[in-house]
Protein backbone atom coordinates (compact mmCIF):
# COMPACT_ATOMS: atom_id res chain seq x y z
CA MET A 1 53.43 -28.73 -10.01
CA ILE A 2 55.04 -28.12 -6.42
CA LYS A 3 57.75 -25.99 -7.70
CA ALA A 4 55.49 -23.81 -9.68
CA PHE A 5 53.37 -23.20 -6.47
CA PRO A 6 55.33 -20.47 -4.81
CA TYR A 7 55.46 -18.60 -8.54
CA ILE A 8 51.61 -18.73 -8.53
CA VAL A 9 51.04 -17.42 -5.28
CA ALA A 10 53.65 -14.58 -5.88
CA LEU A 11 51.78 -13.87 -9.24
CA SER A 12 48.41 -13.78 -7.56
CA ILE A 13 49.81 -11.63 -4.79
CA SER A 14 50.92 -8.87 -7.30
CA ILE A 15 47.80 -8.94 -9.17
CA LEU A 16 45.92 -8.50 -5.98
CA PHE A 17 48.24 -5.77 -5.26
CA ILE A 18 48.09 -3.82 -8.34
CA SER A 19 44.27 -4.19 -8.23
CA CYS A 20 44.08 -2.95 -4.78
CA SER A 21 46.52 -0.06 -5.68
CA THR A 22 44.44 0.82 -8.68
CA THR A 23 41.24 0.95 -6.47
CA GLU A 24 42.88 3.03 -3.83
CA GLU A 25 44.43 5.48 -6.65
CA THR A 26 40.80 5.73 -8.05
CA ILE A 27 39.13 6.26 -4.56
CA SER A 28 41.79 9.09 -3.75
CA LEU A 29 40.58 11.01 -7.08
CA PRO A 30 38.39 13.96 -6.74
CA VAL A 31 34.91 13.30 -7.63
CA GLU A 32 34.88 14.96 -10.76
CA GLU A 33 37.84 13.02 -12.18
CA ARG A 34 36.27 9.82 -10.89
CA PHE A 35 33.33 10.52 -12.89
CA ALA A 36 35.11 11.47 -15.97
CA LYS A 37 37.16 7.93 -15.63
CA ALA A 38 33.58 6.23 -15.17
CA LYS A 39 32.12 8.12 -18.13
CA ALA A 40 35.11 7.09 -20.35
CA LEU A 41 34.38 3.55 -19.51
CA PHE A 42 31.01 3.90 -20.44
CA ASP A 43 31.71 5.34 -23.66
CA ASN A 44 34.18 2.66 -24.71
CA GLY A 45 31.55 0.25 -23.99
CA ASP A 46 33.40 -1.21 -20.73
CA TYR A 47 30.03 -1.28 -18.91
CA LEU A 48 30.96 -3.67 -15.96
CA GLU A 49 33.91 -1.47 -14.92
CA ALA A 50 31.87 1.32 -15.51
CA ILE A 51 29.05 0.12 -13.01
CA GLU A 52 31.41 -0.37 -10.32
CA ASP A 53 32.80 3.13 -10.61
CA PHE A 54 29.41 4.72 -11.13
CA LYS A 55 28.19 2.88 -8.06
CA SER A 56 30.95 4.04 -5.80
CA ILE A 57 30.16 7.72 -6.89
CA THR A 58 26.50 7.49 -5.88
CA VAL A 59 27.24 5.71 -2.56
CA GLN A 60 29.88 8.15 -1.45
CA TYR A 61 28.88 11.49 -3.56
CA GLN A 62 25.22 11.13 -3.94
CA GLY A 63 24.58 14.88 -2.75
CA SER A 64 27.32 15.87 -5.06
CA GLU A 65 26.71 17.59 -8.50
CA PHE A 66 27.83 14.36 -9.92
CA GLY A 67 25.81 12.10 -8.10
CA ASP A 68 22.53 12.21 -10.21
CA ASP A 69 24.97 11.75 -13.26
CA ALA A 70 26.48 8.81 -11.84
CA GLN A 71 23.12 7.41 -11.04
CA TYR A 72 21.73 7.81 -14.58
CA TYR A 73 24.71 6.31 -16.23
CA LEU A 74 24.77 3.43 -13.94
CA ALA A 75 21.07 2.90 -14.86
CA GLU A 76 22.10 3.12 -18.37
CA CYS A 77 24.93 0.25 -18.16
CA ARG A 78 22.36 -1.98 -16.77
CA PHE A 79 19.91 -1.24 -19.60
CA ILE A 80 22.40 -1.69 -22.32
CA ARG A 81 23.59 -4.71 -20.69
CA GLY A 82 20.03 -6.11 -21.10
CA GLU A 83 19.69 -6.27 -17.28
CA PHE A 84 16.21 -4.78 -17.45
CA ILE A 85 15.08 -5.50 -13.92
CA LEU A 86 18.31 -3.90 -12.28
CA ALA A 87 18.11 -1.14 -14.82
CA SER A 88 14.39 -0.30 -13.67
CA ALA A 89 15.40 -0.27 -10.12
CA GLU A 90 18.37 2.26 -10.88
CA TYR A 91 16.02 4.48 -12.64
CA ASP A 92 13.73 4.39 -9.85
CA ASN A 93 16.31 5.07 -7.52
CA LEU A 94 17.12 8.31 -9.38
CA VAL A 95 13.44 9.40 -9.52
CA ARG A 96 12.76 8.71 -5.75
CA LEU A 97 16.24 9.75 -4.32
CA MET A 98 17.17 12.72 -6.51
CA PRO A 99 13.66 14.20 -7.51
CA GLY A 100 15.15 17.58 -8.22
CA SER A 101 17.75 16.37 -10.97
CA PRO A 102 17.20 16.86 -14.68
CA PHE A 103 17.55 13.58 -15.68
CA VAL A 104 14.44 12.68 -13.61
CA PRO A 105 11.99 12.81 -16.88
CA ILE A 106 14.36 10.57 -18.86
CA ALA A 107 14.71 8.52 -15.81
CA ARG A 108 10.96 7.84 -15.77
CA TYR A 109 10.57 7.15 -19.40
CA LYS A 110 13.75 4.80 -19.41
CA ARG A 111 12.09 2.80 -16.29
CA ALA A 112 9.07 2.39 -18.29
CA GLU A 113 11.26 1.35 -21.06
CA ALA A 114 12.79 -1.20 -19.29
CA TYR A 115 9.60 -2.95 -18.41
CA TYR A 116 8.51 -2.53 -21.97
CA GLN A 117 11.75 -4.71 -22.97
CA LEU A 118 10.48 -7.39 -20.55
CA SER A 119 6.96 -7.54 -22.00
CA PRO A 120 6.33 -10.91 -23.35
CA LYS A 121 4.02 -12.35 -26.02
CA PRO A 122 0.40 -12.34 -25.31
CA GLN A 123 -0.09 -15.59 -24.33
CA LEU A 124 2.32 -15.38 -21.38
CA ASP A 125 2.17 -13.55 -18.14
CA GLN A 126 1.60 -10.12 -18.54
CA LYS A 127 3.13 -8.64 -15.27
CA TYR A 128 5.76 -6.43 -16.93
CA THR A 129 3.35 -5.28 -19.57
CA ARG A 130 1.25 -3.85 -16.74
CA TYR A 131 4.25 -2.45 -15.00
CA ALA A 132 5.20 -0.71 -18.48
CA LEU A 133 1.93 0.47 -19.26
CA ASP A 134 1.89 2.22 -15.65
CA ASN A 135 5.13 3.84 -15.55
CA PHE A 136 4.54 5.18 -19.59
CA GLN A 137 1.44 6.70 -17.87
CA THR A 138 3.06 8.18 -14.96
CA TYR A 139 6.07 9.50 -17.24
CA ILE A 140 3.36 11.34 -19.57
CA GLU A 141 1.51 12.51 -16.42
CA PHE A 142 4.66 14.27 -14.76
CA SER A 143 6.17 15.38 -18.23
CA PRO A 144 3.50 16.09 -20.68
CA THR A 145 5.25 18.06 -23.00
CA ASP A 146 8.42 16.00 -23.39
CA THR A 147 9.82 15.07 -26.48
CA LEU A 148 9.37 11.25 -25.76
CA VAL A 149 5.59 11.31 -25.03
CA LYS A 150 4.61 10.61 -28.58
CA ASP A 151 6.65 7.48 -28.31
CA ALA A 152 5.17 6.77 -24.73
CA GLU A 153 1.93 7.08 -26.39
CA ARG A 154 2.42 4.73 -29.02
CA LYS A 155 3.75 2.14 -26.63
CA ILE A 156 0.68 2.58 -24.55
CA GLU A 157 -1.27 1.87 -27.25
CA GLU A 158 0.61 -1.28 -28.11
CA LEU A 159 0.69 -2.65 -24.53
CA THR A 160 -2.87 -1.92 -24.32
CA LEU A 161 -3.65 -4.02 -27.27
CA LYS A 162 -1.57 -6.90 -26.18
CA LEU A 163 -3.52 -6.92 -22.99
CA SER A 164 -6.75 -6.82 -24.37
CA LYS A 165 -5.72 -9.36 -27.00
CA LYS A 166 -4.78 -11.78 -23.93
CA MET A 167 -8.07 -11.13 -22.13
CA PHE A 168 -9.94 -11.74 -25.45
CA ASP A 169 -7.81 -15.09 -26.12
CA GLY A 170 -8.53 -16.12 -22.34
CA GLY A 171 -12.26 -15.76 -22.94
CA VAL A 172 -12.34 -17.71 -26.24
CA LEU A 173 -10.37 -20.73 -24.43
CA TYR A 174 -12.66 -20.57 -21.50
CA TYR A 175 -15.52 -20.86 -24.28
CA LYS A 176 -14.13 -23.66 -26.05
CA LEU A 177 -13.35 -25.42 -22.43
CA GLU A 178 -17.18 -24.86 -21.99
CA TYR A 179 -16.56 -22.64 -18.98
CA TYR A 180 -19.03 -20.31 -20.07
CA LYS A 181 -19.41 -18.34 -16.85
CA ALA A 182 -15.86 -17.87 -16.79
CA ALA A 183 -15.91 -16.74 -20.56
CA VAL A 184 -18.61 -14.02 -19.98
CA SER A 185 -16.27 -12.81 -16.84
CA TYR A 186 -13.26 -12.55 -18.99
CA PHE A 187 -15.20 -10.91 -22.11
CA ASP A 188 -17.08 -8.21 -19.62
CA LYS A 189 -13.62 -7.44 -18.18
CA LEU A 190 -12.23 -6.85 -21.70
CA ILE A 191 -15.38 -4.57 -22.50
CA GLN A 192 -15.20 -2.45 -19.42
CA GLU A 193 -11.30 -2.25 -19.17
CA TYR A 194 -10.39 -1.79 -22.80
CA HIS A 195 -13.24 -0.21 -24.39
CA ASP A 196 -11.20 1.41 -26.91
CA SER A 197 -9.50 -1.96 -28.16
CA PRO A 198 -10.31 -3.35 -31.31
CA TYR A 199 -11.19 -6.36 -29.73
CA VAL A 200 -14.28 -4.94 -28.04
CA ASP A 201 -16.67 -6.10 -30.74
CA ASP A 202 -15.06 -9.57 -30.82
CA GLY A 203 -15.70 -9.62 -27.17
CA MET A 204 -19.19 -8.55 -27.30
CA PHE A 205 -20.09 -11.11 -29.81
CA TRP A 206 -18.40 -13.99 -28.00
CA LYS A 207 -19.91 -12.86 -24.83
CA ALA A 208 -23.34 -13.15 -26.46
CA LYS A 209 -22.33 -16.51 -27.40
CA SER A 210 -21.39 -17.54 -23.93
CA GLN A 211 -24.50 -16.45 -22.72
CA ALA A 212 -26.49 -18.15 -25.08
CA GLU A 213 -24.60 -21.55 -24.03
CA ARG A 214 -25.55 -20.50 -20.75
CA LYS A 215 -29.10 -20.45 -21.33
CA ASP A 216 -29.29 -16.47 -20.64
CA PHE A 217 -31.42 -15.77 -23.70
CA SER A 218 -32.44 -12.19 -22.64
CA GLY A 219 -28.88 -11.34 -21.68
CA ALA A 220 -27.58 -12.63 -25.05
CA GLU A 221 -30.18 -10.51 -26.92
CA GLN A 222 -29.28 -7.71 -24.95
CA THR A 223 -25.29 -7.91 -25.62
CA LEU A 224 -26.02 -8.32 -29.44
CA ASN A 225 -28.56 -5.10 -29.43
CA GLU A 226 -25.72 -3.26 -27.71
CA LEU A 227 -22.93 -4.64 -30.16
CA LEU A 228 -25.15 -3.17 -33.04
CA MET A 229 -25.80 -0.15 -31.58
CA LYS A 230 -22.12 0.59 -30.82
CA PHE A 231 -20.63 -1.02 -33.63
CA PRO A 232 -23.17 -0.78 -36.48
CA ASP A 233 -20.86 -1.77 -39.26
CA THR A 234 -19.46 -4.65 -37.42
CA GLU A 235 -17.88 -7.39 -39.64
CA TYR A 236 -19.95 -9.75 -37.45
CA GLN A 237 -23.48 -8.83 -39.23
CA GLN A 238 -23.98 -12.20 -40.72
CA GLU A 239 -22.83 -14.20 -37.40
CA ILE A 240 -25.19 -11.87 -35.41
CA THR A 241 -28.19 -12.88 -37.69
CA GLU A 242 -27.37 -16.52 -37.32
CA LEU A 243 -26.84 -15.92 -33.64
CA GLN A 244 -30.07 -14.30 -32.91
CA LYS A 245 -31.90 -17.14 -34.82
CA LYS A 246 -30.35 -19.79 -32.75
CA ILE A 247 -31.34 -17.94 -29.82
CA THR A 248 -34.66 -18.09 -30.92
CA ASP A 249 -34.91 -21.69 -31.58
CA ASP A 250 -32.91 -22.73 -28.46
CA ARG A 251 -35.18 -20.41 -26.28
CA ILE A 252 -38.38 -22.44 -27.69
CA GLU A 253 -36.90 -25.74 -27.36
CA PHE A 254 -35.56 -24.91 -23.69
CA LEU A 255 -39.07 -23.82 -22.84
CA GLU A 256 -40.59 -26.89 -24.49
CA VAL A 257 -38.25 -29.17 -22.39
CA GLN A 258 -38.91 -27.03 -19.03
CA GLN A 259 -43.01 -27.43 -19.60
CA LYS A 260 -42.48 -31.27 -20.18
CA ARG A 261 -40.47 -31.66 -16.87
CA GLN A 262 -43.24 -29.48 -15.27
CA ALA A 263 -46.13 -31.72 -16.63
CA ILE A 264 -44.14 -35.02 -15.32
CA LYS A 265 -43.72 -33.47 -11.81
CA LEU A 266 -47.68 -32.82 -11.89
CA GLN A 267 -48.66 -36.28 -12.71
C-alpha cells in the first residue's frame, strides 16, 4: 500500500492536469465554438457536461448572440434530467434577463410545464399546481396565438379540476368530522373560485347539508333553491327532495325544543 501511494498521487495529478488543460482549452475557444461543443453534448445526452458548458457561456457571454440559446438549453438540460425546480428557475432567468429573445414564449410555456410536472395528487399540497396554473395563464396572456396555447388551455382545465376536487374533498372531510362551519367555508370557496368546475353542484348540495346541520335552515333552503335554478338537471334531484323534507322536519323539531326551553325559563 505504501509503495503504491506515490503512483496514486502521480495519477491524480495527471488527471487534474488533463482536466484543467481541457477546461482551459474550452475557455479559450470562441463563443460560437463553445456553444457548438455544448450543443453537441446536449444532443448526445451528456446533460451534466452540457450544463457546465452552457452555464459558463451564460455567465461570460450573456449579451452575445449565443447567450439566450445557452440559457434555454441550460434550462432544457435541467428539465430533461427531471430537475424541475431548477429548470423553472433557469427558464425564468431567460424570461427576466433576456426579454427580447425569441426563446421567451417557449420558456414561459416550459416554466409552467416544469411546475405541471411537480403537481401532485389532489389530496396533497397543491402549491406547484397553483404555480403551474398561474404560469400557463401568463404564457397565454403574452402569447395568445402561439402553437402551444391549446395544450396550455387543456392543462389549465386539468389543473383547475384538480384544485376544485381538493377543495370539495376538504369540505366533505370537515362535514364528516362535524366541523360544519369549516365545511360551509370550503364549499363557498369552491363555488366562488371554481364556478366552472363540475364539482360546483356537488359543493352546493353539501353546503346545504352542512348548513342544515348547523340549524341554518333558511340558508340551507336558499342554497338548494340556487342549486335547482343553476342546475335544473342535477343528479341530486332525489337527494334534494329528501334533504328538503329533513330540513322541514328538523326545523319543526328545533322550534319545539326552543319553545319548551323558553317555557321552562318562564316558570
